[in-house]
Amino acid sequence: MLKRRVQRLVGMSLAATLAGCHIPANSPFTGLAQLRPVATPHTNVLPPAAMLQHPGPGVEGPGPGIIAPASYEASIEASGYGPGGMGGPVGMGGVLPPTSQIGFIGKDGMQVRWDTTPGGGFDSTPLVTPGRYDFPQGAIYRLKLTDIEGYEGVELYPSLEVAPVTPRTAAYLAHNAVPFQLTNEDLDQVTTGNFVTKVVYLPDAEYQELA
């Protein structure tokens, strides 16, 4: 059965894709060398560029305050990580890539887990919402959501994409968390078999007073 894809364009530094299906713990996701949590550095969650520029009928792109995401591979290389993946060399001096703080908000009491080892299994210490966590940039993370108020017994397995910082968004990220929020409408869409993609746009320095 064809599933209707729901695009909810709210932003760009963080992208979360929710699906109602189960993702096995042994899914072929690889991690960045020596990073915790485990991540996979590929771009496959953000909507196509054409959709970001024209999110709806009569609606043009996000405007001059929005910066296109930088290359993921370039971000990883700049942080000292090569393409070696798991077991690859750590950057010079053991420097880890920069992080973005993700703020998980509403439903209160929801538990969020992610992979911390290459074997998967969502073996992190549960984060109970509302809560925050610093995720390395330029990677995609598998999440497991449980204990969702009003959706008892439902387990969701979204992917979270954290884009690399740009010089024009660095100041904003240094002082703000990027929100990850699920509404009742989002949850209803997912539990009825649809896909939901949420994107968070960040303003550049010139427009931050308006953000």
N, C-alpha and C. Protein backbone atom coordinates (compact mmCIF):
# COMPACT_ATOMS: atom_id res chain seq x y z
N MET A 1 0.85 -1.18 0.00
CA MET A 1 0.00 0.00 0.00
C MET A 1 0.89 1.23 0.00
N LEU A 2 0.58 2.16 -0.84
CA LEU A 2 1.36 3.38 -0.93
C LEU A 2 1.15 4.21 0.32
N LYS A 3 2.24 4.63 0.93
CA LYS A 3 2.14 5.43 2.14
C LYS A 3 2.34 6.90 1.79
N ARG A 4 1.49 7.71 2.33
CA ARG A 4 1.58 9.14 2.08
C ARG A 4 2.69 9.74 2.92
N ARG A 5 3.57 10.50 2.30
CA ARG A 5 4.68 11.11 3.00
C ARG A 5 4.30 12.53 3.41
N VAL A 6 4.45 12.83 4.67
CA VAL A 6 4.08 14.13 5.19
C VAL A 6 5.34 14.93 5.44
N GLN A 7 5.48 16.08 4.79
CA GLN A 7 6.63 16.95 4.97
C GLN A 7 6.23 18.11 5.87
N ARG A 8 6.94 18.31 6.96
CA ARG A 8 6.65 19.40 7.88
C ARG A 8 7.93 20.20 8.01
N LEU A 9 8.06 21.26 7.20
CA LEU A 9 9.32 22.00 7.11
C LEU A 9 9.38 23.04 8.21
N VAL A 10 10.06 22.72 9.29
CA VAL A 10 10.21 23.65 10.39
C VAL A 10 11.64 24.14 10.48
N GLY A 11 12.67 23.43 9.94
CA GLY A 11 14.04 23.88 10.08
C GLY A 11 15.09 23.11 9.34
N MET A 12 16.43 23.31 9.64
CA MET A 12 17.44 22.66 8.82
C MET A 12 18.65 22.10 9.53
N SER A 13 19.04 22.55 10.69
CA SER A 13 20.24 22.01 11.32
C SER A 13 19.96 20.64 11.90
N LEU A 14 18.71 20.39 12.23
CA LEU A 14 18.33 19.09 12.74
C LEU A 14 17.20 18.58 11.87
N ALA A 15 17.28 17.30 11.50
CA ALA A 15 16.17 16.71 10.76
C ALA A 15 15.84 15.38 11.40
N ALA A 16 14.58 15.16 11.68
CA ALA A 16 14.16 13.90 12.28
C ALA A 16 13.13 13.25 11.40
N THR A 17 13.33 11.97 11.10
CA THR A 17 12.37 11.22 10.32
C THR A 17 11.76 10.15 11.21
N LEU A 18 10.44 10.11 11.27
CA LEU A 18 9.74 9.15 12.10
C LEU A 18 9.02 8.15 11.22
N ALA A 19 9.09 6.90 11.61
CA ALA A 19 8.35 5.86 10.92
C ALA A 19 7.79 4.91 11.95
N GLY A 20 6.62 4.35 11.66
CA GLY A 20 5.99 3.48 12.62
C GLY A 20 6.53 2.08 12.63
N CYS A 21 7.42 1.74 11.70
CA CYS A 21 7.92 0.37 11.63
C CYS A 21 9.12 0.19 12.54
N HIS A 22 9.41 -1.08 12.88
CA HIS A 22 10.53 -1.42 13.75
C HIS A 22 11.81 -1.51 12.93
N ILE A 23 12.91 -0.95 13.47
CA ILE A 23 14.23 -1.06 12.85
C ILE A 23 15.05 -2.04 13.68
N PRO A 24 15.47 -3.17 13.12
CA PRO A 24 16.21 -4.16 13.91
C PRO A 24 17.48 -3.57 14.49
N ALA A 25 17.88 -4.11 15.64
CA ALA A 25 19.09 -3.62 16.31
C ALA A 25 20.33 -3.90 15.49
N ASN A 26 20.30 -4.92 14.62
CA ASN A 26 21.47 -5.24 13.81
C ASN A 26 21.42 -4.57 12.44
N SER A 27 20.65 -3.48 12.34
CA SER A 27 20.61 -2.73 11.08
C SER A 27 22.00 -2.29 10.69
N PRO A 28 22.34 -2.30 9.37
CA PRO A 28 23.72 -2.03 8.94
C PRO A 28 24.09 -0.56 9.04
N PHE A 29 24.10 -0.01 10.26
CA PHE A 29 24.55 1.35 10.50
C PHE A 29 25.97 1.28 11.06
N THR A 30 26.84 2.14 10.58
CA THR A 30 28.21 2.16 11.09
C THR A 30 28.43 3.43 11.87
N GLY A 31 29.47 3.44 12.71
CA GLY A 31 29.73 4.60 13.55
C GLY A 31 30.94 5.37 13.11
N LEU A 32 30.99 6.63 13.49
CA LEU A 32 32.20 7.41 13.30
C LEU A 32 33.25 6.90 14.28
N ALA A 33 34.52 6.94 13.85
CA ALA A 33 35.59 6.38 14.67
C ALA A 33 35.60 7.00 16.06
N GLN A 34 35.53 6.12 17.08
CA GLN A 34 35.69 6.49 18.47
C GLN A 34 34.61 7.45 18.97
N LEU A 35 33.50 7.55 18.29
CA LEU A 35 32.46 8.48 18.71
C LEU A 35 31.40 7.74 19.52
N ARG A 36 30.85 8.42 20.49
CA ARG A 36 29.70 7.95 21.22
C ARG A 36 28.72 9.10 21.28
N PRO A 37 27.51 8.96 20.84
CA PRO A 37 26.86 7.76 20.36
C PRO A 37 27.28 7.39 18.95
N VAL A 38 26.96 6.15 18.57
CA VAL A 38 27.29 5.67 17.24
C VAL A 38 26.47 6.43 16.21
N ALA A 39 27.11 6.78 15.09
CA ALA A 39 26.43 7.57 14.06
C ALA A 39 26.84 7.09 12.70
N THR A 40 26.07 7.48 11.71
CA THR A 40 26.43 7.18 10.34
C THR A 40 26.47 8.49 9.55
N PRO A 41 27.62 8.84 8.94
CA PRO A 41 27.77 10.16 8.32
C PRO A 41 27.29 10.24 6.88
N HIS A 42 26.01 10.14 6.67
CA HIS A 42 25.46 10.23 5.33
C HIS A 42 24.27 11.18 5.33
N THR A 43 23.99 11.79 4.21
CA THR A 43 22.85 12.69 4.08
C THR A 43 21.71 11.97 3.39
N ASN A 44 20.70 11.55 4.14
CA ASN A 44 19.56 10.90 3.51
C ASN A 44 18.25 11.16 4.23
N VAL A 45 18.21 12.21 5.05
CA VAL A 45 17.00 12.52 5.78
C VAL A 45 16.41 13.86 5.34
N LEU A 46 17.25 14.86 5.16
CA LEU A 46 16.74 16.16 4.76
C LEU A 46 15.97 16.06 3.44
N PRO A 47 14.86 16.79 3.31
CA PRO A 47 14.14 16.78 2.03
C PRO A 47 15.01 17.30 0.91
N PRO A 48 14.66 17.00 -0.35
CA PRO A 48 15.44 17.49 -1.49
C PRO A 48 15.54 19.01 -1.48
N ALA A 49 16.62 19.51 -2.08
CA ALA A 49 16.85 20.96 -2.09
C ALA A 49 15.69 21.70 -2.74
N ALA A 50 15.13 21.13 -3.81
CA ALA A 50 14.01 21.78 -4.49
C ALA A 50 12.81 21.94 -3.57
N MET A 51 12.59 20.94 -2.71
CA MET A 51 11.46 21.01 -1.79
C MET A 51 11.72 22.05 -0.70
N LEU A 52 12.98 22.16 -0.24
CA LEU A 52 13.29 23.16 0.76
C LEU A 52 13.10 24.57 0.21
N GLN A 53 13.41 24.76 -1.07
CA GLN A 53 13.25 26.08 -1.67
C GLN A 53 11.79 26.40 -1.98
N HIS A 54 10.96 25.37 -2.20
CA HIS A 54 9.54 25.57 -2.51
C HIS A 54 8.72 24.60 -1.67
N PRO A 55 8.59 24.85 -0.34
CA PRO A 55 7.94 23.89 0.55
C PRO A 55 6.45 23.71 0.33
N GLY A 56 5.80 24.61 -0.43
CA GLY A 56 4.38 24.44 -0.64
C GLY A 56 3.88 25.37 -1.72
N PRO A 57 2.64 25.18 -2.17
CA PRO A 57 2.08 26.03 -3.22
C PRO A 57 2.11 27.50 -2.82
N GLY A 58 2.73 28.34 -3.65
CA GLY A 58 2.79 29.76 -3.36
C GLY A 58 3.76 30.14 -2.27
N VAL A 59 4.52 29.17 -1.77
CA VAL A 59 5.48 29.42 -0.70
C VAL A 59 6.88 29.26 -1.26
N GLU A 60 7.66 30.32 -1.20
CA GLU A 60 9.03 30.24 -1.69
C GLU A 60 9.95 29.76 -0.58
N GLY A 61 11.25 29.72 -0.88
CA GLY A 61 12.23 29.16 0.03
C GLY A 61 12.31 29.90 1.35
N PRO A 62 13.19 29.42 2.25
CA PRO A 62 13.22 29.93 3.61
C PRO A 62 13.74 31.35 3.74
N GLY A 63 14.29 31.94 2.67
CA GLY A 63 14.69 33.34 2.75
C GLY A 63 16.17 33.51 2.99
N PRO A 64 16.63 34.78 3.03
CA PRO A 64 18.06 35.05 3.11
C PRO A 64 18.69 34.66 4.43
N GLY A 65 17.90 34.42 5.46
CA GLY A 65 18.48 34.08 6.75
C GLY A 65 18.80 32.61 6.90
N ILE A 66 18.57 31.81 5.87
CA ILE A 66 18.78 30.38 5.95
C ILE A 66 20.02 30.00 5.17
N ILE A 67 20.86 29.19 5.78
CA ILE A 67 22.11 28.77 5.16
C ILE A 67 22.00 27.32 4.74
N ALA A 68 22.39 27.02 3.52
CA ALA A 68 22.37 25.63 3.05
C ALA A 68 23.36 24.81 3.86
N PRO A 69 23.06 23.53 4.16
CA PRO A 69 23.98 22.72 4.96
C PRO A 69 25.28 22.49 4.23
N ALA A 70 26.36 22.47 4.99
CA ALA A 70 27.67 22.20 4.41
C ALA A 70 27.81 20.72 4.13
N SER A 71 28.85 20.37 3.41
CA SER A 71 29.11 18.97 3.09
C SER A 71 29.40 18.19 4.37
N TYR A 72 28.75 17.06 4.53
CA TYR A 72 28.98 16.23 5.70
C TYR A 72 30.41 15.69 5.70
N GLU A 73 30.83 15.21 4.53
CA GLU A 73 32.17 14.66 4.45
C GLU A 73 33.22 15.72 4.77
N ALA A 74 33.00 16.96 4.26
CA ALA A 74 33.95 18.03 4.53
C ALA A 74 33.98 18.37 6.01
N SER A 75 32.80 18.34 6.65
CA SER A 75 32.76 18.64 8.07
C SER A 75 33.54 17.61 8.88
N ILE A 76 33.37 16.34 8.50
CA ILE A 76 34.07 15.28 9.21
C ILE A 76 35.56 15.38 8.98
N GLU A 77 35.96 15.62 7.73
CA GLU A 77 37.38 15.77 7.42
C GLU A 77 37.98 16.94 8.19
N ALA A 78 37.25 18.06 8.25
CA ALA A 78 37.76 19.24 8.94
C ALA A 78 37.93 18.99 10.42
N SER A 79 37.17 18.04 10.95
CA SER A 79 37.28 17.72 12.36
C SER A 79 38.36 16.68 12.63
N GLY A 80 39.04 16.23 11.57
CA GLY A 80 40.11 15.28 11.75
C GLY A 80 39.73 13.85 11.55
N TYR A 81 38.52 13.59 11.01
CA TYR A 81 38.07 12.23 10.79
C TYR A 81 38.12 11.90 9.31
N GLY A 82 38.80 10.81 9.01
CA GLY A 82 38.86 10.36 7.64
C GLY A 82 37.70 9.47 7.32
N PRO A 83 37.69 8.85 6.11
CA PRO A 83 36.58 8.00 5.70
C PRO A 83 36.69 6.58 6.23
N GLY A 84 37.56 6.35 7.23
CA GLY A 84 37.80 4.99 7.68
C GLY A 84 36.65 4.35 8.39
N GLY A 85 35.69 5.14 8.92
CA GLY A 85 34.56 4.56 9.63
C GLY A 85 35.03 3.94 10.93
N MET A 86 34.37 2.86 11.35
CA MET A 86 34.72 2.21 12.59
C MET A 86 36.15 1.70 12.51
N GLY A 87 36.90 2.00 13.55
CA GLY A 87 38.28 1.57 13.59
C GLY A 87 39.22 2.50 12.87
N GLY A 88 38.69 3.55 12.24
CA GLY A 88 39.52 4.51 11.53
C GLY A 88 40.28 5.38 12.50
N PRO A 89 41.20 6.19 11.99
CA PRO A 89 42.02 7.00 12.87
C PRO A 89 41.25 8.15 13.47
N VAL A 90 41.57 8.46 14.72
CA VAL A 90 41.01 9.63 15.37
C VAL A 90 41.78 10.84 14.88
N GLY A 91 41.11 11.99 14.87
CA GLY A 91 41.75 13.20 14.39
C GLY A 91 42.98 13.55 15.18
N MET A 92 43.78 14.45 14.66
CA MET A 92 45.01 14.85 15.31
C MET A 92 44.70 15.39 16.69
N GLY A 93 45.44 14.86 17.68
CA GLY A 93 45.21 15.28 19.05
C GLY A 93 43.95 14.70 19.65
N GLY A 94 43.31 13.75 18.96
CA GLY A 94 42.09 13.15 19.49
C GLY A 94 40.92 14.11 19.56
N VAL A 95 40.91 15.12 18.72
CA VAL A 95 39.84 16.12 18.75
C VAL A 95 38.56 15.54 18.15
N LEU A 96 37.47 15.65 18.88
CA LEU A 96 36.18 15.16 18.40
C LEU A 96 35.48 16.25 17.60
N PRO A 97 34.58 15.87 16.70
CA PRO A 97 33.83 16.87 15.94
C PRO A 97 33.00 17.75 16.87
N PRO A 98 32.64 18.95 16.44
CA PRO A 98 31.79 19.81 17.26
C PRO A 98 30.42 19.18 17.45
N THR A 99 29.74 19.60 18.49
CA THR A 99 28.43 19.04 18.81
C THR A 99 27.34 20.10 18.72
N SER A 100 26.12 19.64 18.54
CA SER A 100 24.94 20.48 18.64
C SER A 100 24.07 19.93 19.76
N GLN A 101 23.59 20.81 20.62
CA GLN A 101 22.73 20.37 21.72
C GLN A 101 21.30 20.23 21.21
N ILE A 102 20.77 19.03 21.37
CA ILE A 102 19.40 18.75 20.95
C ILE A 102 18.51 18.75 22.19
N GLY A 103 17.46 19.56 22.16
CA GLY A 103 16.53 19.61 23.28
C GLY A 103 15.28 18.79 22.98
N PHE A 104 15.10 17.71 23.70
CA PHE A 104 13.93 16.84 23.52
C PHE A 104 12.81 17.37 24.42
N ILE A 105 11.72 17.82 23.80
CA ILE A 105 10.62 18.42 24.55
C ILE A 105 9.30 17.77 24.15
N GLY A 106 8.36 17.73 25.12
CA GLY A 106 7.02 17.18 24.91
C GLY A 106 7.01 15.94 24.01
N LYS A 107 6.44 14.95 24.37
CA LYS A 107 5.64 14.58 25.51
C LYS A 107 6.53 14.40 26.77
N ASP A 108 6.14 15.04 27.87
CA ASP A 108 6.89 14.90 29.10
C ASP A 108 6.87 13.45 29.56
N GLY A 109 8.03 12.99 30.03
CA GLY A 109 8.14 11.62 30.52
C GLY A 109 8.52 10.61 29.46
N MET A 110 8.54 11.01 28.19
CA MET A 110 8.96 10.09 27.12
C MET A 110 10.44 9.73 27.31
N GLN A 111 10.79 8.48 27.05
CA GLN A 111 12.17 8.04 27.16
C GLN A 111 12.80 7.94 25.77
N VAL A 112 14.02 8.48 25.65
CA VAL A 112 14.75 8.49 24.39
C VAL A 112 16.05 7.71 24.58
N ARG A 113 16.30 6.75 23.70
CA ARG A 113 17.54 5.98 23.72
C ARG A 113 18.16 6.02 22.33
N TRP A 114 19.48 5.74 22.28
CA TRP A 114 20.19 5.68 21.01
C TRP A 114 21.33 4.69 21.15
N ASP A 115 21.93 4.33 20.02
CA ASP A 115 23.05 3.38 20.03
C ASP A 115 24.30 4.04 20.58
N THR A 116 25.00 3.33 21.46
CA THR A 116 26.29 3.80 21.95
C THR A 116 27.41 2.83 21.61
N THR A 117 27.08 1.69 21.02
CA THR A 117 28.08 0.70 20.60
C THR A 117 27.77 0.28 19.18
N PRO A 118 28.79 -0.19 18.45
CA PRO A 118 28.57 -0.59 17.05
C PRO A 118 27.52 -1.67 16.90
N GLY A 119 27.33 -2.51 17.92
CA GLY A 119 26.36 -3.59 17.82
C GLY A 119 24.92 -3.14 17.87
N GLY A 120 24.70 -1.87 18.20
CA GLY A 120 23.33 -1.36 18.26
C GLY A 120 22.64 -1.79 19.54
N GLY A 121 21.33 -1.78 19.52
CA GLY A 121 20.56 -2.19 20.68
C GLY A 121 20.03 -1.03 21.50
N PHE A 122 20.26 0.21 21.06
CA PHE A 122 19.76 1.38 21.78
C PHE A 122 20.15 1.29 23.26
N ASP A 123 21.45 1.15 23.50
CA ASP A 123 21.95 0.85 24.83
C ASP A 123 22.42 2.06 25.61
N SER A 124 21.99 3.25 25.23
CA SER A 124 22.35 4.43 26.01
C SER A 124 21.53 4.48 27.30
N THR A 125 21.97 5.31 28.23
CA THR A 125 21.15 5.60 29.39
C THR A 125 19.92 6.38 28.93
N PRO A 126 18.72 5.98 29.32
CA PRO A 126 17.53 6.68 28.83
C PRO A 126 17.54 8.16 29.20
N LEU A 127 17.20 9.00 28.24
CA LEU A 127 16.98 10.42 28.49
C LEU A 127 15.48 10.63 28.61
N VAL A 128 15.05 11.19 29.73
CA VAL A 128 13.62 11.41 29.97
C VAL A 128 13.29 12.85 29.64
N THR A 129 12.29 13.04 28.78
CA THR A 129 11.92 14.39 28.36
C THR A 129 11.13 15.12 29.45
N PRO A 130 11.34 16.45 29.56
CA PRO A 130 12.24 17.27 28.75
C PRO A 130 13.70 17.06 29.16
N GLY A 131 14.57 17.02 28.18
CA GLY A 131 16.00 16.84 28.45
C GLY A 131 16.82 17.24 27.25
N ARG A 132 18.15 17.33 27.44
CA ARG A 132 19.05 17.77 26.37
C ARG A 132 20.24 16.83 26.28
N TYR A 133 20.80 16.75 25.06
CA TYR A 133 22.01 15.94 24.86
C TYR A 133 22.81 16.55 23.72
N ASP A 134 24.15 16.51 23.85
CA ASP A 134 25.05 17.03 22.83
C ASP A 134 25.41 15.93 21.85
N PHE A 135 24.96 16.04 20.60
CA PHE A 135 25.26 15.07 19.56
C PHE A 135 26.32 15.64 18.62
N PRO A 136 27.37 14.85 18.29
CA PRO A 136 28.35 15.30 17.29
C PRO A 136 27.65 15.61 15.97
N GLN A 137 28.12 16.67 15.32
CA GLN A 137 27.50 17.14 14.09
C GLN A 137 27.91 16.29 12.89
N GLY A 138 27.14 16.43 11.81
CA GLY A 138 27.47 15.77 10.56
C GLY A 138 27.21 14.28 10.58
N ALA A 139 26.15 13.85 11.26
CA ALA A 139 25.89 12.42 11.37
C ALA A 139 24.40 12.17 11.56
N ILE A 140 24.01 10.91 11.39
CA ILE A 140 22.63 10.47 11.58
C ILE A 140 22.60 9.46 12.72
N TYR A 141 21.64 9.59 13.60
CA TYR A 141 21.53 8.72 14.77
C TYR A 141 20.19 7.99 14.78
N ARG A 142 20.24 6.72 15.18
CA ARG A 142 19.01 5.95 15.37
C ARG A 142 18.53 6.16 16.79
N LEU A 143 17.25 6.49 16.94
CA LEU A 143 16.66 6.71 18.25
C LEU A 143 15.56 5.68 18.51
N LYS A 144 15.29 5.46 19.78
CA LYS A 144 14.16 4.64 20.19
C LYS A 144 13.35 5.45 21.20
N LEU A 145 12.06 5.64 20.92
CA LEU A 145 11.19 6.42 21.79
C LEU A 145 10.16 5.51 22.44
N THR A 146 10.08 5.56 23.76
CA THR A 146 9.13 4.72 24.50
C THR A 146 8.46 5.57 25.59
N ASP A 147 7.49 4.95 26.28
CA ASP A 147 6.78 5.61 27.38
C ASP A 147 6.20 6.95 26.93
N ILE A 148 5.52 6.94 25.79
CA ILE A 148 4.94 8.16 25.22
C ILE A 148 3.54 8.34 25.79
N GLU A 149 3.31 9.44 26.49
CA GLU A 149 2.02 9.70 27.11
C GLU A 149 0.90 9.69 26.07
N GLY A 150 -0.13 8.91 26.35
CA GLY A 150 -1.26 8.80 25.43
C GLY A 150 -1.06 7.75 24.36
N TYR A 151 0.15 7.19 24.29
CA TYR A 151 0.46 6.16 23.29
C TYR A 151 1.19 5.01 23.99
N GLU A 152 0.61 4.57 25.10
CA GLU A 152 1.23 3.53 25.91
C GLU A 152 1.43 2.26 25.08
N GLY A 153 2.60 1.67 25.24
CA GLY A 153 2.93 0.45 24.51
C GLY A 153 3.49 0.68 23.12
N VAL A 154 3.45 1.92 22.64
CA VAL A 154 3.98 2.24 21.31
C VAL A 154 5.47 2.53 21.41
N GLU A 155 6.25 1.93 20.52
CA GLU A 155 7.68 2.20 20.42
C GLU A 155 7.96 2.76 19.02
N LEU A 156 8.64 3.89 18.96
CA LEU A 156 8.98 4.51 17.68
C LEU A 156 10.48 4.52 17.49
N TYR A 157 10.91 4.41 16.23
CA TYR A 157 12.33 4.30 15.90
C TYR A 157 12.69 5.34 14.83
N PRO A 158 12.76 6.61 15.22
CA PRO A 158 13.12 7.64 14.24
C PRO A 158 14.62 7.71 14.01
N SER A 159 15.01 8.39 12.95
CA SER A 159 16.41 8.73 12.73
C SER A 159 16.56 10.23 12.91
N LEU A 160 17.66 10.63 13.51
CA LEU A 160 17.94 12.04 13.80
C LEU A 160 19.19 12.45 13.05
N GLU A 161 19.07 13.43 12.18
CA GLU A 161 20.20 13.92 11.40
C GLU A 161 20.63 15.28 11.94
N VAL A 162 21.89 15.39 12.36
CA VAL A 162 22.44 16.63 12.90
C VAL A 162 23.44 17.18 11.88
N ALA A 163 23.07 18.27 11.24
CA ALA A 163 23.89 18.83 10.16
C ALA A 163 25.12 19.54 10.73
N PRO A 164 26.17 19.69 9.90
CA PRO A 164 27.37 20.41 10.35
C PRO A 164 27.08 21.88 10.58
N VAL A 165 27.84 22.48 11.48
CA VAL A 165 27.72 23.91 11.74
C VAL A 165 28.33 24.68 10.58
N THR A 166 27.84 25.89 10.36
CA THR A 166 28.45 26.80 9.40
C THR A 166 28.92 28.03 10.17
N PRO A 167 29.85 28.81 9.62
CA PRO A 167 30.31 30.01 10.33
C PRO A 167 29.17 30.95 10.70
N ARG A 168 28.10 30.94 9.93
CA ARG A 168 27.01 31.88 10.17
C ARG A 168 25.96 31.34 11.14
N THR A 169 26.07 30.07 11.53
CA THR A 169 25.15 29.52 12.52
C THR A 169 25.86 29.12 13.80
N ALA A 170 27.20 29.22 13.83
CA ALA A 170 27.97 28.77 14.99
C ALA A 170 27.58 29.53 16.25
N ALA A 171 27.42 30.85 16.15
CA ALA A 171 27.09 31.64 17.33
C ALA A 171 25.73 31.24 17.90
N TYR A 172 24.77 30.99 17.03
CA TYR A 172 23.44 30.58 17.49
C TYR A 172 23.51 29.24 18.21
N LEU A 173 24.22 28.27 17.63
CA LEU A 173 24.31 26.94 18.22
C LEU A 173 25.08 26.95 19.53
N ALA A 174 25.99 27.91 19.69
CA ALA A 174 26.78 27.98 20.91
C ALA A 174 25.93 28.36 22.12
N HIS A 175 24.77 28.95 21.88
CA HIS A 175 23.96 29.44 23.00
C HIS A 175 22.53 28.90 22.99
N ASN A 176 22.21 28.03 22.05
CA ASN A 176 20.84 27.54 21.94
C ASN A 176 20.80 26.05 21.64
N ALA A 177 19.79 25.39 22.18
CA ALA A 177 19.55 23.99 21.83
C ALA A 177 18.60 23.95 20.64
N VAL A 178 18.76 22.93 19.80
CA VAL A 178 17.86 22.73 18.66
C VAL A 178 16.71 21.85 19.13
N PRO A 179 15.46 22.29 19.00
CA PRO A 179 14.35 21.53 19.58
C PRO A 179 13.96 20.30 18.76
N PHE A 180 13.71 19.23 19.47
CA PHE A 180 13.13 18.01 18.90
C PHE A 180 11.79 17.83 19.60
N GLN A 181 10.71 18.08 18.89
CA GLN A 181 9.39 18.04 19.50
C GLN A 181 8.42 17.24 18.65
N LEU A 182 7.64 16.38 19.31
CA LEU A 182 6.60 15.61 18.64
C LEU A 182 5.25 16.08 19.13
N THR A 183 4.38 16.42 18.20
CA THR A 183 3.03 16.84 18.55
C THR A 183 2.08 15.64 18.45
N ASN A 184 0.88 15.81 18.96
CA ASN A 184 -0.12 14.75 18.83
C ASN A 184 -0.39 14.44 17.36
N GLU A 185 -0.39 15.47 16.52
CA GLU A 185 -0.62 15.25 15.10
C GLU A 185 0.50 14.40 14.49
N ASP A 186 1.76 14.69 14.88
CA ASP A 186 2.88 13.89 14.39
C ASP A 186 2.70 12.43 14.78
N LEU A 187 2.37 12.20 16.04
CA LEU A 187 2.24 10.84 16.55
C LEU A 187 1.06 10.13 15.89
N ASP A 188 -0.03 10.83 15.66
CA ASP A 188 -1.17 10.21 14.98
C ASP A 188 -0.80 9.80 13.56
N GLN A 189 -0.03 10.64 12.87
CA GLN A 189 0.40 10.30 11.51
C GLN A 189 1.27 9.05 11.52
N VAL A 190 2.21 9.00 12.45
CA VAL A 190 3.14 7.87 12.49
C VAL A 190 2.43 6.57 12.85
N THR A 191 1.57 6.62 13.86
CA THR A 191 0.91 5.40 14.32
C THR A 191 -0.14 4.90 13.34
N THR A 192 -0.49 5.70 12.33
CA THR A 192 -1.40 5.22 11.28
C THR A 192 -0.65 4.83 10.01
N GLY A 193 0.69 4.74 10.10
CA GLY A 193 1.47 4.21 8.99
C GLY A 193 2.06 5.22 8.06
N ASN A 194 1.97 6.51 8.38
CA ASN A 194 2.56 7.54 7.53
C ASN A 194 3.97 7.89 7.99
N PHE A 195 4.69 8.61 7.15
CA PHE A 195 6.01 9.10 7.49
C PHE A 195 5.93 10.59 7.82
N VAL A 196 6.72 11.01 8.78
CA VAL A 196 6.78 12.42 9.15
C VAL A 196 8.23 12.86 9.13
N THR A 197 8.51 13.94 8.40
CA THR A 197 9.85 14.52 8.38
C THR A 197 9.77 15.93 8.94
N LYS A 198 10.57 16.22 9.96
CA LYS A 198 10.58 17.55 10.57
C LYS A 198 11.99 18.12 10.42
N VAL A 199 12.06 19.37 10.02
CA VAL A 199 13.35 20.03 9.79
C VAL A 199 13.37 21.33 10.57
N VAL A 200 14.50 21.64 11.20
CA VAL A 200 14.64 22.86 11.99
C VAL A 200 15.62 23.79 11.29
N TYR A 201 15.15 24.95 10.87
CA TYR A 201 16.02 25.94 10.25
C TYR A 201 16.67 26.82 11.32
N LEU A 202 17.92 27.19 11.08
CA LEU A 202 18.62 28.10 11.97
C LEU A 202 18.86 29.42 11.26
N PRO A 203 18.72 30.54 11.97
CA PRO A 203 19.01 31.84 11.35
C PRO A 203 20.50 32.09 11.30
N ASP A 204 20.94 32.89 10.34
CA ASP A 204 22.35 33.28 10.37
C ASP A 204 22.50 34.49 11.29
N ALA A 205 23.76 34.88 11.53
CA ALA A 205 24.04 35.91 12.53
C ALA A 205 23.33 37.22 12.24
N GLU A 206 23.16 37.55 10.97
CA GLU A 206 22.56 38.82 10.59
C GLU A 206 21.09 38.90 10.99
N TYR A 207 20.44 37.72 11.11
CA TYR A 207 19.00 37.71 11.36
C TYR A 207 18.65 37.11 12.71
N GLN A 208 19.63 36.87 13.59
CA GLN A 208 19.35 36.15 14.83
C GLN A 208 18.45 36.93 15.78
N GLU A 209 18.46 38.26 15.72
CA GLU A 209 17.59 39.02 16.60
C GLU A 209 16.12 38.79 16.27
N LEU A 210 15.86 38.32 15.05
CA LEU A 210 14.49 38.05 14.64
C LEU A 210 14.07 36.64 14.97
N ALA A 211 15.02 35.79 15.36
CA ALA A 211 14.72 34.37 15.59
C ALA A 211 13.99 34.19 16.93
